[in-house]
Amino acid sequence: MKRRMFHAGLLGLAAPRLAGAQAGFQPMLNGRDFTGWSPIGNANWRWEDGALVADRGVGFLVTARDYANFRLRTEFFAETHTNSGIFIRCSDPNTVNSNNSYEVNIWDERPVQRYGTGAIVDIAAVDPMPRAGGRWNSFDITANGDALTVVLNGQTTVNAVRHSRHTTGRIALQHAASVPGPDGQPNDRGVIRFRGLEIQVL
């Protein structure tokens, strides 16, 4: 009896690690440098304890290649005032915005809450908005043809919404300024961390 319980415990400890290595998923970050990515702007991207981190400045890390149909998974940590997001199918790698891509948002304190964390800005709203600040969270994002799906921490926030404006393009990770602070200046110092970013091309 004790022996069976011991083996079951080992299997239970191992199982979560296997989930990140499913067939067909490829890592997008190497944990050392920005190979395969290009920086835009002045965000201070760097590696800390196996996570990609930025906590100052405004900018993006943009993939060197385009992606059309895919499933993207990652974990992220943000503060409640952090303005960040994952942009997909961006048609211009030098100018990333919600007009030329789909912005899967990370921003708990966004003034228009319905397009805050878990939403696709101006495309698919969330109500109520799920909050992610102050802890590690998971994103599971699927773009397949004109169907877009976002799952945050196991909760579907965008359910296969149909939209065909952007069909292929780059993927970009964002660190941006939030709303102005007491001094009237934009607050660009909220931390964002990404780890375990991986993609499955569909």
N, C-alpha and C. Protein backbone atom coordinates (compact mmCIF):
# COMPACT_ATOMS: atom_id res chain seq x y z
N MET A 1 0.83 -1.20 0.00
CA MET A 1 0.00 0.00 0.00
C MET A 1 0.86 1.25 0.00
N LYS A 2 1.86 1.28 0.87
CA LYS A 2 2.75 2.43 0.93
C LYS A 2 3.51 2.60 -0.37
N ARG A 3 3.95 1.48 -0.96
CA ARG A 3 4.70 1.55 -2.21
C ARG A 3 3.85 2.13 -3.32
N ARG A 4 2.57 1.73 -3.42
CA ARG A 4 1.68 2.27 -4.45
C ARG A 4 1.48 3.77 -4.29
N MET A 5 1.32 4.19 -3.05
CA MET A 5 1.13 5.61 -2.80
C MET A 5 2.36 6.40 -3.18
N PHE A 6 3.54 5.84 -2.94
CA PHE A 6 4.78 6.53 -3.28
C PHE A 6 4.89 6.72 -4.79
N HIS A 7 4.61 5.67 -5.56
CA HIS A 7 4.68 5.78 -7.02
C HIS A 7 3.65 6.75 -7.56
N ALA A 8 2.45 6.74 -6.99
CA ALA A 8 1.42 7.67 -7.44
C ALA A 8 1.86 9.11 -7.20
N GLY A 9 2.55 9.33 -6.07
CA GLY A 9 3.05 10.67 -5.78
C GLY A 9 4.06 11.12 -6.81
N LEU A 10 4.95 10.22 -7.23
CA LEU A 10 5.94 10.58 -8.25
C LEU A 10 5.26 10.94 -9.56
N LEU A 11 4.25 10.17 -9.94
CA LEU A 11 3.55 10.45 -11.18
C LEU A 11 2.84 11.80 -11.10
N GLY A 12 2.26 12.10 -9.94
CA GLY A 12 1.57 13.37 -9.78
C GLY A 12 2.52 14.55 -9.89
N LEU A 13 3.75 14.40 -9.39
CA LEU A 13 4.71 15.49 -9.48
C LEU A 13 5.18 15.70 -10.90
N ALA A 14 5.27 14.61 -11.67
CA ALA A 14 5.82 14.71 -13.02
C ALA A 14 4.81 15.25 -14.02
N ALA A 15 3.51 15.00 -13.78
CA ALA A 15 2.50 15.30 -14.78
C ALA A 15 2.47 16.74 -15.26
N PRO A 16 2.55 17.77 -14.36
CA PRO A 16 2.46 19.13 -14.87
C PRO A 16 3.55 19.49 -15.86
N ARG A 17 4.76 18.95 -15.69
CA ARG A 17 5.85 19.26 -16.60
C ARG A 17 5.62 18.67 -17.99
N LEU A 18 4.91 17.57 -18.08
CA LEU A 18 4.67 16.95 -19.37
C LEU A 18 3.72 17.79 -20.23
N ALA A 19 2.86 18.57 -19.57
CA ALA A 19 1.86 19.35 -20.31
C ALA A 19 2.51 20.36 -21.24
N GLY A 20 3.68 20.88 -20.87
CA GLY A 20 4.33 21.89 -21.68
C GLY A 20 5.15 21.33 -22.82
N ALA A 21 5.16 20.03 -22.98
CA ALA A 21 5.98 19.41 -24.02
C ALA A 21 5.12 18.57 -24.97
N GLN A 22 3.89 18.95 -25.18
CA GLN A 22 3.01 18.21 -26.06
C GLN A 22 3.53 18.26 -27.50
N ALA A 23 3.26 17.21 -28.22
CA ALA A 23 3.72 17.12 -29.60
C ALA A 23 3.19 18.29 -30.41
N GLY A 24 4.06 18.86 -31.23
CA GLY A 24 3.65 19.93 -32.12
C GLY A 24 3.94 21.32 -31.61
N PHE A 25 4.20 21.48 -30.32
CA PHE A 25 4.53 22.79 -29.76
C PHE A 25 6.03 23.02 -29.80
N GLN A 26 6.42 24.22 -30.20
CA GLN A 26 7.83 24.59 -30.27
C GLN A 26 8.07 25.82 -29.39
N PRO A 27 9.16 25.82 -28.61
CA PRO A 27 9.47 27.00 -27.79
C PRO A 27 9.82 28.19 -28.67
N MET A 28 9.40 29.38 -28.26
CA MET A 28 9.67 30.60 -29.02
C MET A 28 10.77 31.45 -28.37
N LEU A 29 11.13 31.15 -27.14
CA LEU A 29 12.17 31.88 -26.42
C LEU A 29 13.21 30.89 -25.92
N ASN A 30 14.49 31.27 -25.98
CA ASN A 30 15.54 30.34 -25.59
C ASN A 30 16.08 30.57 -24.18
N GLY A 31 15.61 31.61 -23.50
CA GLY A 31 16.04 31.85 -22.14
C GLY A 31 17.40 32.51 -21.99
N ARG A 32 18.04 32.87 -23.12
CA ARG A 32 19.38 33.45 -23.05
C ARG A 32 19.48 34.80 -23.75
N ASP A 33 18.89 34.87 -24.95
CA ASP A 33 18.99 36.09 -25.73
C ASP A 33 17.70 36.26 -26.53
N PHE A 34 17.71 37.13 -27.54
CA PHE A 34 16.51 37.42 -28.30
C PHE A 34 16.59 36.89 -29.73
N THR A 35 17.28 35.78 -29.91
CA THR A 35 17.35 35.15 -31.23
C THR A 35 15.93 34.87 -31.75
N GLY A 36 15.67 35.30 -32.98
CA GLY A 36 14.35 35.11 -33.58
C GLY A 36 13.38 36.24 -33.29
N TRP A 37 13.86 37.26 -32.56
CA TRP A 37 13.02 38.40 -32.20
C TRP A 37 13.77 39.69 -32.47
N SER A 38 13.02 40.77 -32.70
CA SER A 38 13.61 42.09 -32.89
C SER A 38 12.94 43.09 -31.95
N PRO A 39 13.73 43.93 -31.26
CA PRO A 39 13.13 44.94 -30.39
C PRO A 39 12.69 46.17 -31.16
N ILE A 40 11.59 46.78 -30.73
CA ILE A 40 11.11 48.06 -31.23
C ILE A 40 10.90 48.95 -30.00
N GLY A 41 11.35 50.19 -30.06
CA GLY A 41 11.17 51.09 -28.94
C GLY A 41 12.28 50.98 -27.91
N ASN A 42 12.01 51.45 -26.69
CA ASN A 42 13.05 51.50 -25.67
C ASN A 42 12.73 50.70 -24.41
N ALA A 43 11.80 49.75 -24.50
CA ALA A 43 11.52 48.90 -23.34
C ALA A 43 12.78 48.11 -22.97
N ASN A 44 13.01 47.94 -21.68
CA ASN A 44 14.27 47.33 -21.20
C ASN A 44 14.15 45.81 -21.04
N TRP A 45 13.87 45.12 -22.14
CA TRP A 45 13.74 43.66 -22.12
C TRP A 45 15.04 43.01 -21.66
N ARG A 46 14.92 41.98 -20.84
CA ARG A 46 16.07 41.24 -20.33
C ARG A 46 15.59 39.90 -19.77
N TRP A 47 16.55 39.05 -19.42
CA TRP A 47 16.23 37.75 -18.83
C TRP A 47 16.53 37.78 -17.35
N GLU A 48 15.58 37.29 -16.53
CA GLU A 48 15.77 37.16 -15.09
C GLU A 48 15.13 35.86 -14.62
N ASP A 49 15.94 34.97 -14.04
CA ASP A 49 15.42 33.72 -13.46
C ASP A 49 14.55 32.94 -14.45
N GLY A 50 14.99 32.88 -15.69
CA GLY A 50 14.28 32.11 -16.70
C GLY A 50 13.06 32.77 -17.29
N ALA A 51 12.82 34.03 -16.93
CA ALA A 51 11.66 34.75 -17.47
C ALA A 51 12.13 35.97 -18.26
N LEU A 52 11.40 36.28 -19.31
CA LEU A 52 11.63 37.50 -20.09
C LEU A 52 10.92 38.64 -19.36
N VAL A 53 11.68 39.71 -19.07
CA VAL A 53 11.17 40.77 -18.20
C VAL A 53 11.36 42.14 -18.84
N ALA A 54 10.37 43.02 -18.63
CA ALA A 54 10.52 44.45 -18.90
C ALA A 54 9.75 45.20 -17.83
N ASP A 55 10.31 46.30 -17.35
CA ASP A 55 9.61 47.09 -16.33
C ASP A 55 9.79 48.60 -16.52
N ARG A 56 10.32 48.98 -17.66
CA ARG A 56 10.49 50.40 -17.94
C ARG A 56 10.56 50.60 -19.46
N GLY A 57 10.09 51.77 -19.90
CA GLY A 57 10.13 52.08 -21.32
C GLY A 57 8.90 51.59 -22.05
N VAL A 58 8.86 51.89 -23.33
CA VAL A 58 7.72 51.54 -24.18
C VAL A 58 8.24 50.85 -25.43
N GLY A 59 7.78 49.65 -25.68
CA GLY A 59 8.25 48.95 -26.88
C GLY A 59 7.77 47.52 -26.97
N PHE A 60 8.31 46.82 -27.95
CA PHE A 60 7.89 45.46 -28.27
C PHE A 60 9.10 44.58 -28.54
N LEU A 61 8.90 43.29 -28.40
CA LEU A 61 9.75 42.28 -29.03
C LEU A 61 8.90 41.63 -30.10
N VAL A 62 9.41 41.58 -31.33
CA VAL A 62 8.63 41.13 -32.49
C VAL A 62 9.31 39.94 -33.14
N THR A 63 8.54 38.93 -33.51
CA THR A 63 9.11 37.75 -34.15
C THR A 63 9.70 38.11 -35.51
N ALA A 64 10.69 37.33 -35.93
CA ALA A 64 11.33 37.55 -37.23
C ALA A 64 10.53 36.98 -38.38
N ARG A 65 9.51 36.17 -38.08
CA ARG A 65 8.72 35.56 -39.14
C ARG A 65 7.24 35.75 -38.88
N ASP A 66 6.45 35.52 -39.93
CA ASP A 66 5.00 35.64 -39.84
C ASP A 66 4.39 34.31 -39.40
N TYR A 67 3.22 34.43 -38.77
CA TYR A 67 2.43 33.26 -38.40
C TYR A 67 0.98 33.53 -38.80
N ALA A 68 0.35 32.53 -39.39
CA ALA A 68 -1.04 32.68 -39.82
C ALA A 68 -1.98 31.95 -38.88
N ASN A 69 -1.95 30.63 -38.90
CA ASN A 69 -2.83 29.80 -38.06
C ASN A 69 -1.99 29.08 -37.02
N PHE A 70 -2.35 29.26 -35.76
CA PHE A 70 -1.50 28.73 -34.70
C PHE A 70 -2.24 28.70 -33.36
N ARG A 71 -1.65 27.97 -32.44
CA ARG A 71 -2.05 28.00 -31.03
C ARG A 71 -0.82 28.44 -30.23
N LEU A 72 -0.98 29.46 -29.42
CA LEU A 72 0.11 30.06 -28.67
C LEU A 72 -0.19 29.92 -27.18
N ARG A 73 0.81 29.44 -26.43
CA ARG A 73 0.63 29.31 -24.99
C ARG A 73 1.79 30.00 -24.27
N THR A 74 1.48 30.61 -23.15
CA THR A 74 2.52 31.23 -22.33
C THR A 74 2.00 31.45 -20.93
N GLU A 75 2.93 31.71 -20.01
CA GLU A 75 2.60 32.20 -18.68
C GLU A 75 3.10 33.63 -18.58
N PHE A 76 2.38 34.46 -17.83
CA PHE A 76 2.82 35.84 -17.66
C PHE A 76 2.52 36.32 -16.24
N PHE A 77 3.33 37.27 -15.79
CA PHE A 77 3.13 37.94 -14.51
C PHE A 77 3.08 39.43 -14.78
N ALA A 78 2.06 40.10 -14.29
CA ALA A 78 1.92 41.54 -14.46
C ALA A 78 1.43 42.16 -13.16
N GLU A 79 1.78 43.41 -12.94
CA GLU A 79 1.19 44.16 -11.85
C GLU A 79 -0.16 44.72 -12.31
N THR A 80 -0.97 45.17 -11.36
CA THR A 80 -2.31 45.61 -11.74
C THR A 80 -2.27 46.81 -12.69
N HIS A 81 -1.24 47.67 -12.58
CA HIS A 81 -1.17 48.84 -13.46
C HIS A 81 -0.35 48.61 -14.71
N THR A 82 0.24 47.42 -14.86
CA THR A 82 1.05 47.12 -16.05
C THR A 82 0.19 47.15 -17.31
N ASN A 83 0.70 47.82 -18.33
CA ASN A 83 0.05 47.84 -19.64
C ASN A 83 0.89 46.97 -20.57
N SER A 84 0.36 45.82 -20.92
CA SER A 84 1.09 44.88 -21.77
C SER A 84 0.09 44.15 -22.65
N GLY A 85 0.58 43.19 -23.39
CA GLY A 85 -0.29 42.39 -24.23
C GLY A 85 0.51 41.57 -25.21
N ILE A 86 -0.19 40.71 -25.92
CA ILE A 86 0.40 39.90 -26.98
C ILE A 86 -0.33 40.26 -28.27
N PHE A 87 0.41 40.76 -29.24
CA PHE A 87 -0.16 41.16 -30.53
C PHE A 87 0.09 40.03 -31.53
N ILE A 88 -0.92 39.65 -32.26
CA ILE A 88 -0.80 38.55 -33.22
C ILE A 88 -1.21 39.03 -34.61
N ARG A 89 -0.63 38.38 -35.62
CA ARG A 89 -0.90 38.68 -37.04
C ARG A 89 -0.64 40.14 -37.38
N CYS A 90 0.44 40.70 -36.85
CA CYS A 90 0.77 42.09 -37.13
C CYS A 90 1.36 42.21 -38.53
N SER A 91 0.80 43.07 -39.35
CA SER A 91 1.22 43.18 -40.76
C SER A 91 2.44 44.08 -40.95
N ASP A 92 2.80 44.88 -39.95
CA ASP A 92 3.96 45.77 -40.06
C ASP A 92 4.87 45.56 -38.86
N PRO A 93 6.00 44.87 -39.03
CA PRO A 93 6.88 44.57 -37.89
C PRO A 93 7.56 45.79 -37.30
N ASN A 94 7.49 46.93 -37.97
CA ASN A 94 8.12 48.14 -37.46
C ASN A 94 7.15 49.07 -36.74
N THR A 95 5.86 48.81 -36.90
CA THR A 95 4.83 49.62 -36.23
C THR A 95 3.73 48.69 -35.77
N VAL A 96 3.79 48.30 -34.52
CA VAL A 96 2.83 47.34 -33.97
C VAL A 96 1.73 48.11 -33.24
N ASN A 97 0.48 47.87 -33.61
CA ASN A 97 -0.64 48.48 -32.91
C ASN A 97 -1.90 47.67 -33.15
N SER A 98 -2.99 48.08 -32.50
CA SER A 98 -4.24 47.32 -32.60
C SER A 98 -4.97 47.57 -33.91
N ASN A 99 -4.44 48.45 -34.76
CA ASN A 99 -5.04 48.66 -36.09
C ASN A 99 -4.50 47.70 -37.13
N ASN A 100 -3.25 47.23 -36.95
CA ASN A 100 -2.68 46.32 -37.94
C ASN A 100 -2.42 44.93 -37.38
N SER A 101 -3.06 44.62 -36.24
CA SER A 101 -2.91 43.30 -35.62
C SER A 101 -4.05 43.10 -34.64
N TYR A 102 -4.11 41.91 -34.06
CA TYR A 102 -5.04 41.63 -32.97
C TYR A 102 -4.28 41.75 -31.65
N GLU A 103 -4.77 42.60 -30.74
CA GLU A 103 -4.11 42.82 -29.46
C GLU A 103 -4.84 42.05 -28.36
N VAL A 104 -4.22 40.97 -27.91
CA VAL A 104 -4.75 40.22 -26.77
C VAL A 104 -4.21 40.92 -25.52
N ASN A 105 -5.08 41.57 -24.79
CA ASN A 105 -4.65 42.56 -23.81
C ASN A 105 -4.30 41.97 -22.44
N ILE A 106 -3.32 42.65 -21.79
CA ILE A 106 -2.98 42.43 -20.40
C ILE A 106 -2.94 43.82 -19.76
N TRP A 107 -4.01 44.22 -19.09
CA TRP A 107 -4.04 45.54 -18.47
C TRP A 107 -5.26 45.63 -17.56
N ASP A 108 -5.07 45.33 -16.28
CA ASP A 108 -6.18 45.33 -15.34
C ASP A 108 -6.79 46.71 -15.13
N GLU A 109 -5.99 47.77 -15.25
CA GLU A 109 -6.47 49.12 -14.96
C GLU A 109 -6.77 49.91 -16.24
N ARG A 110 -7.02 49.21 -17.33
CA ARG A 110 -7.36 49.90 -18.57
C ARG A 110 -8.62 50.75 -18.35
N PRO A 111 -8.60 52.02 -18.77
CA PRO A 111 -9.77 52.87 -18.54
C PRO A 111 -11.07 52.28 -19.08
N VAL A 112 -11.03 51.69 -20.27
CA VAL A 112 -12.21 51.00 -20.81
C VAL A 112 -12.06 49.52 -20.46
N GLN A 113 -12.65 49.11 -19.36
CA GLN A 113 -12.43 47.79 -18.79
C GLN A 113 -12.85 46.65 -19.71
N ARG A 114 -13.84 46.86 -20.53
CA ARG A 114 -14.33 45.77 -21.37
C ARG A 114 -13.29 45.30 -22.38
N TYR A 115 -12.28 46.11 -22.64
CA TYR A 115 -11.18 45.69 -23.51
C TYR A 115 -9.87 45.56 -22.74
N GLY A 116 -9.98 45.25 -21.45
CA GLY A 116 -8.81 45.04 -20.62
C GLY A 116 -8.30 43.61 -20.71
N THR A 117 -7.77 43.11 -19.62
CA THR A 117 -7.14 41.79 -19.58
C THR A 117 -8.08 40.70 -20.10
N GLY A 118 -7.57 39.90 -21.03
CA GLY A 118 -8.34 38.78 -21.58
C GLY A 118 -9.14 39.11 -22.81
N ALA A 119 -9.25 40.40 -23.17
CA ALA A 119 -10.01 40.82 -24.35
C ALA A 119 -9.10 40.94 -25.57
N ILE A 120 -9.70 41.02 -26.74
CA ILE A 120 -8.99 41.44 -27.95
C ILE A 120 -9.47 42.86 -28.22
N VAL A 121 -8.56 43.81 -28.13
CA VAL A 121 -8.93 45.23 -28.14
C VAL A 121 -9.74 45.59 -29.39
N ASP A 122 -10.90 46.22 -29.14
CA ASP A 122 -11.81 46.71 -30.17
C ASP A 122 -12.45 45.60 -31.01
N ILE A 123 -12.21 44.35 -30.65
CA ILE A 123 -12.77 43.22 -31.41
C ILE A 123 -13.67 42.36 -30.54
N ALA A 124 -13.16 41.93 -29.39
CA ALA A 124 -13.90 41.02 -28.51
C ALA A 124 -13.76 41.49 -27.07
N ALA A 125 -14.87 41.94 -26.49
CA ALA A 125 -14.86 42.49 -25.14
C ALA A 125 -15.05 41.39 -24.10
N VAL A 126 -14.71 41.72 -22.84
CA VAL A 126 -14.95 40.83 -21.71
C VAL A 126 -15.81 41.58 -20.68
N ASP A 127 -16.74 40.86 -20.07
CA ASP A 127 -17.61 41.49 -19.08
C ASP A 127 -18.16 40.41 -18.15
N PRO A 128 -17.69 40.42 -16.87
CA PRO A 128 -16.71 41.34 -16.29
C PRO A 128 -15.30 40.97 -16.71
N MET A 129 -14.39 41.93 -16.57
CA MET A 129 -13.01 41.68 -16.94
C MET A 129 -12.32 40.84 -15.86
N PRO A 130 -11.68 39.73 -16.24
CA PRO A 130 -10.92 38.96 -15.25
C PRO A 130 -9.62 39.69 -14.92
N ARG A 131 -9.23 39.68 -13.68
CA ARG A 131 -8.02 40.38 -13.26
C ARG A 131 -6.85 39.42 -13.14
N ALA A 132 -5.67 39.91 -13.51
CA ALA A 132 -4.48 39.05 -13.53
C ALA A 132 -3.33 39.61 -12.71
N GLY A 133 -3.47 40.84 -12.21
CA GLY A 133 -2.34 41.51 -11.55
C GLY A 133 -1.86 40.83 -10.28
N GLY A 134 -0.52 40.82 -10.13
CA GLY A 134 0.08 40.36 -8.89
C GLY A 134 0.31 38.86 -8.79
N ARG A 135 0.12 38.12 -9.88
CA ARG A 135 0.35 36.67 -9.82
C ARG A 135 0.68 36.15 -11.21
N TRP A 136 1.16 34.91 -11.27
CA TRP A 136 1.39 34.25 -12.55
C TRP A 136 0.06 33.77 -13.12
N ASN A 137 -0.08 33.93 -14.44
CA ASN A 137 -1.29 33.55 -15.16
C ASN A 137 -0.91 32.78 -16.42
N SER A 138 -1.89 32.12 -17.02
CA SER A 138 -1.65 31.42 -18.29
C SER A 138 -2.56 31.97 -19.37
N PHE A 139 -1.99 32.08 -20.57
CA PHE A 139 -2.74 32.43 -21.77
C PHE A 139 -2.65 31.27 -22.75
N ASP A 140 -3.78 30.96 -23.39
CA ASP A 140 -3.84 29.97 -24.46
C ASP A 140 -4.61 30.65 -25.59
N ILE A 141 -3.91 31.04 -26.66
CA ILE A 141 -4.47 31.86 -27.73
C ILE A 141 -4.46 31.06 -29.03
N THR A 142 -5.61 30.97 -29.68
CA THR A 142 -5.71 30.25 -30.94
C THR A 142 -6.22 31.19 -32.03
N ALA A 143 -5.50 31.22 -33.15
CA ALA A 143 -5.94 31.92 -34.36
C ALA A 143 -5.98 30.89 -35.48
N ASN A 144 -7.17 30.57 -35.95
CA ASN A 144 -7.32 29.54 -36.97
C ASN A 144 -8.32 30.03 -38.00
N GLY A 145 -7.82 30.46 -39.16
CA GLY A 145 -8.69 31.10 -40.13
C GLY A 145 -9.24 32.38 -39.54
N ASP A 146 -10.57 32.55 -39.60
CA ASP A 146 -11.16 33.76 -39.04
C ASP A 146 -11.67 33.56 -37.61
N ALA A 147 -11.32 32.44 -36.98
CA ALA A 147 -11.76 32.16 -35.62
C ALA A 147 -10.64 32.47 -34.62
N LEU A 148 -10.96 33.31 -33.64
CA LEU A 148 -10.00 33.72 -32.62
C LEU A 148 -10.52 33.32 -31.25
N THR A 149 -9.68 32.63 -30.48
CA THR A 149 -10.07 32.17 -29.15
C THR A 149 -8.98 32.53 -28.15
N VAL A 150 -9.40 33.00 -26.98
CA VAL A 150 -8.46 33.32 -25.90
C VAL A 150 -8.94 32.64 -24.63
N VAL A 151 -8.02 31.93 -23.98
CA VAL A 151 -8.32 31.28 -22.71
C VAL A 151 -7.33 31.81 -21.68
N LEU A 152 -7.83 32.41 -20.61
CA LEU A 152 -7.02 32.96 -19.53
C LEU A 152 -7.25 32.14 -18.27
N ASN A 153 -6.19 31.51 -17.79
CA ASN A 153 -6.27 30.70 -16.57
C ASN A 153 -7.40 29.66 -16.64
N GLY A 154 -7.56 29.07 -17.82
CA GLY A 154 -8.58 28.04 -18.00
C GLY A 154 -9.97 28.58 -18.29
N GLN A 155 -10.15 29.89 -18.26
CA GLN A 155 -11.44 30.51 -18.54
C GLN A 155 -11.43 31.09 -19.95
N THR A 156 -12.40 30.70 -20.78
CA THR A 156 -12.50 31.24 -22.14
C THR A 156 -13.04 32.66 -22.08
N THR A 157 -12.19 33.61 -22.47
CA THR A 157 -12.61 35.02 -22.46
C THR A 157 -13.02 35.49 -23.85
N VAL A 158 -12.48 34.86 -24.89
CA VAL A 158 -12.89 35.13 -26.27
C VAL A 158 -13.20 33.77 -26.89
N ASN A 159 -14.46 33.59 -27.27
CA ASN A 159 -14.91 32.26 -27.69
C ASN A 159 -15.10 32.19 -29.21
N ALA A 160 -14.03 31.85 -29.91
CA ALA A 160 -14.07 31.65 -31.36
C ALA A 160 -14.77 32.78 -32.09
N VAL A 161 -14.43 34.01 -31.71
CA VAL A 161 -15.02 35.16 -32.40
C VAL A 161 -14.55 35.16 -33.85
N ARG A 162 -15.44 35.53 -34.76
CA ARG A 162 -15.12 35.51 -36.18
C ARG A 162 -14.67 36.90 -36.63
N HIS A 163 -13.44 36.97 -37.15
CA HIS A 163 -12.91 38.25 -37.62
C HIS A 163 -11.81 37.96 -38.62
N SER A 164 -11.84 38.63 -39.77
CA SER A 164 -10.91 38.28 -40.85
C SER A 164 -10.08 39.45 -41.36
N ARG A 165 -9.97 40.51 -40.55
CA ARG A 165 -9.20 41.67 -41.01
C ARG A 165 -7.72 41.34 -41.16
N HIS A 166 -7.17 40.58 -40.23
CA HIS A 166 -5.74 40.24 -40.27
C HIS A 166 -5.60 38.73 -40.41
N THR A 167 -4.94 38.29 -41.46
CA THR A 167 -4.86 36.85 -41.75
C THR A 167 -3.51 36.24 -41.45
N THR A 168 -2.46 37.05 -41.42
CA THR A 168 -1.12 36.55 -41.11
C THR A 168 -0.26 37.72 -40.67
N GLY A 169 0.83 37.43 -39.99
CA GLY A 169 1.72 38.50 -39.56
C GLY A 169 2.57 38.10 -38.38
N ARG A 170 3.28 39.06 -37.83
CA ARG A 170 4.20 38.82 -36.73
C ARG A 170 3.45 38.68 -35.40
N ILE A 171 4.17 38.14 -34.43
CA ILE A 171 3.71 38.09 -33.04
C ILE A 171 4.61 39.03 -32.25
N ALA A 172 4.02 39.83 -31.37
CA ALA A 172 4.79 40.82 -30.61
C ALA A 172 4.39 40.81 -29.14
N LEU A 173 5.39 40.92 -28.28
CA LEU A 173 5.17 41.06 -26.84
C LEU A 173 5.37 42.53 -26.48
N GLN A 174 4.50 43.07 -25.65
CA GLN A 174 4.47 44.51 -25.41
C GLN A 174 4.81 44.88 -23.97
N HIS A 175 5.52 46.00 -23.83
CA HIS A 175 5.56 46.73 -22.56
C HIS A 175 5.24 48.18 -22.89
N ALA A 176 4.18 48.73 -22.28
CA ALA A 176 3.71 50.06 -22.64
C ALA A 176 3.48 50.90 -21.40
N ALA A 177 3.17 52.16 -21.63
CA ALA A 177 2.86 53.08 -20.54
C ALA A 177 1.38 52.98 -20.20
N SER A 178 1.10 53.05 -18.91
CA SER A 178 -0.29 53.08 -18.47
C SER A 178 -0.77 54.52 -18.37
N VAL A 179 -1.93 54.72 -17.77
CA VAL A 179 -2.49 56.07 -17.67
C VAL A 179 -1.58 56.95 -16.83
N PRO A 180 -1.59 58.27 -17.05
CA PRO A 180 -0.70 59.17 -16.31
C PRO A 180 -0.88 59.08 -14.80
N GLY A 181 0.24 59.22 -14.08
CA GLY A 181 0.22 59.22 -12.63
C GLY A 181 -0.07 60.60 -12.08
N PRO A 182 0.15 60.79 -10.77
CA PRO A 182 -0.15 62.08 -10.12
C PRO A 182 0.62 63.26 -10.72
N ASP A 183 1.80 62.98 -11.31
CA ASP A 183 2.59 64.06 -11.90
C ASP A 183 2.17 64.38 -13.33
N GLY A 184 1.17 63.67 -13.82
CA GLY A 184 0.69 63.93 -15.17
C GLY A 184 1.47 63.20 -16.25
N GLN A 185 2.51 62.45 -15.86
CA GLN A 185 3.32 61.74 -16.82
C GLN A 185 2.87 60.28 -16.92
N PRO A 186 2.93 59.67 -18.11
CA PRO A 186 2.58 58.26 -18.23
C PRO A 186 3.47 57.38 -17.35
N ASN A 187 2.87 56.42 -16.71
CA ASN A 187 3.61 55.49 -15.85
C ASN A 187 4.06 54.30 -16.69
N ASP A 188 5.35 54.22 -16.99
CA ASP A 188 5.86 53.15 -17.84
C ASP A 188 6.67 52.13 -17.03
N ARG A 189 6.38 51.99 -15.74
CA ARG A 189 7.24 51.17 -14.88
C ARG A 189 6.56 49.94 -14.31
N GLY A 190 5.45 49.54 -14.86
CA GLY A 190 4.84 48.29 -14.41
C GLY A 190 5.58 47.10 -14.99
N VAL A 191 5.80 46.07 -14.19
CA VAL A 191 6.59 44.92 -14.65
C VAL A 191 5.71 43.94 -15.43
N ILE A 192 6.29 43.37 -16.49
CA ILE A 192 5.69 42.25 -17.21
C ILE A 192 6.74 41.17 -17.34
N ARG A 193 6.34 39.93 -17.08
CA ARG A 193 7.22 38.78 -17.22
C ARG A 193 6.52 37.72 -18.06
N PHE A 194 7.25 37.12 -18.99
CA PHE A 194 6.75 36.01 -19.78
C PHE A 194 7.68 34.81 -19.60
N ARG A 195 7.10 33.63 -19.56
CA ARG A 195 7.90 32.41 -19.53
C ARG A 195 7.12 31.28 -20.20
N GLY A 196 7.87 30.30 -20.70
CA GLY A 196 7.23 29.13 -21.31
C GLY A 196 6.47 29.42 -22.58
N LEU A 197 6.87 30.46 -23.32
CA LEU A 197 6.15 30.81 -24.55
C LEU A 197 6.41 29.74 -25.61
N GLU A 198 5.33 29.18 -26.16
CA GLU A 198 5.46 28.11 -27.16
C GLU A 198 4.32 28.21 -28.17
N ILE A 199 4.58 27.67 -29.36
CA ILE A 199 3.60 27.79 -30.44
C ILE A 199 3.43 26.46 -31.15
N GLN A 200 2.22 26.22 -31.61
CA GLN A 200 1.88 25.07 -32.46
C GLN A 200 1.28 25.63 -33.74
N VAL A 201 1.94 25.42 -34.86
CA VAL A 201 1.42 25.88 -36.14
C VAL A 201 0.33 24.94 -36.59
N LEU A 202 -0.82 25.50 -36.97
CA LEU A 202 -1.98 24.69 -37.37
C LEU A 202 -2.09 24.57 -38.88
